[in-house]
Amino acid sequence: MTETTAFPIGLRTVAVCLLLTAAPIPVSAHPSAGAAPPTPKMAHHASPTHGNSAVDVVNSFHAALKQGQTDAALALMAEDVLIFESGGVESSRAEYAEHHLEADAAFSAGTSRTPVSERVTVEGNLATVMRVELVAGTFKDRPINSRSVETMLLRKTDGKWRIMHIHWSSANITR
């Protein structure tokens, strides 16, 4: 009997991506204006593809959300994207569009992100972009002051990186 899973990507793919993130990579520091000291140091590795590196796609995704360009944000995601956020799971681009996309765009528009750290690993057609950021602003008349942790796994198909998995978590910062 074959075991099936509710997730559209295989566990083997996730395991490979997680192993890639654990691989040692050179690290270089980048200062963050006004941010707390980085917990791991900033690391950035340029891709040979200008304008369509994995980091470019992640940055474009966040910029599109901030500007309310939800169609542009969706275009950067694989159809079978898997999103983990606050204990919930969205198993496709269509499901994300139907449930949290608009709220995520509104949240992005009302907040700013200050980088704390970034680690990028690229191995063939798979890339992992892991970030820690401080997020501040207002959302639904509520002040936001949190530390956000983001992991994005990307797959390169036909020469273009697309987001295939996002895992977001955050914690309020109390002072």
Foldseek 3Di string as FASTA:
>chain_A
DDDDDPAPDDPVVVVVQVVQQVDDDDADADDWPPDDAAPDGARDDDDPDPCFDPVNLVVQLLVCLLVVVLVSNLVQADQQAWEAEPNDIDGGSVSCVVPPSNLSSQQSNFKDKTWNYWDWGDDPFKIKIWTWIWIFGDHPNHTATKIKIKIWMWGADPNHTHTRYMYIDIDGDDD
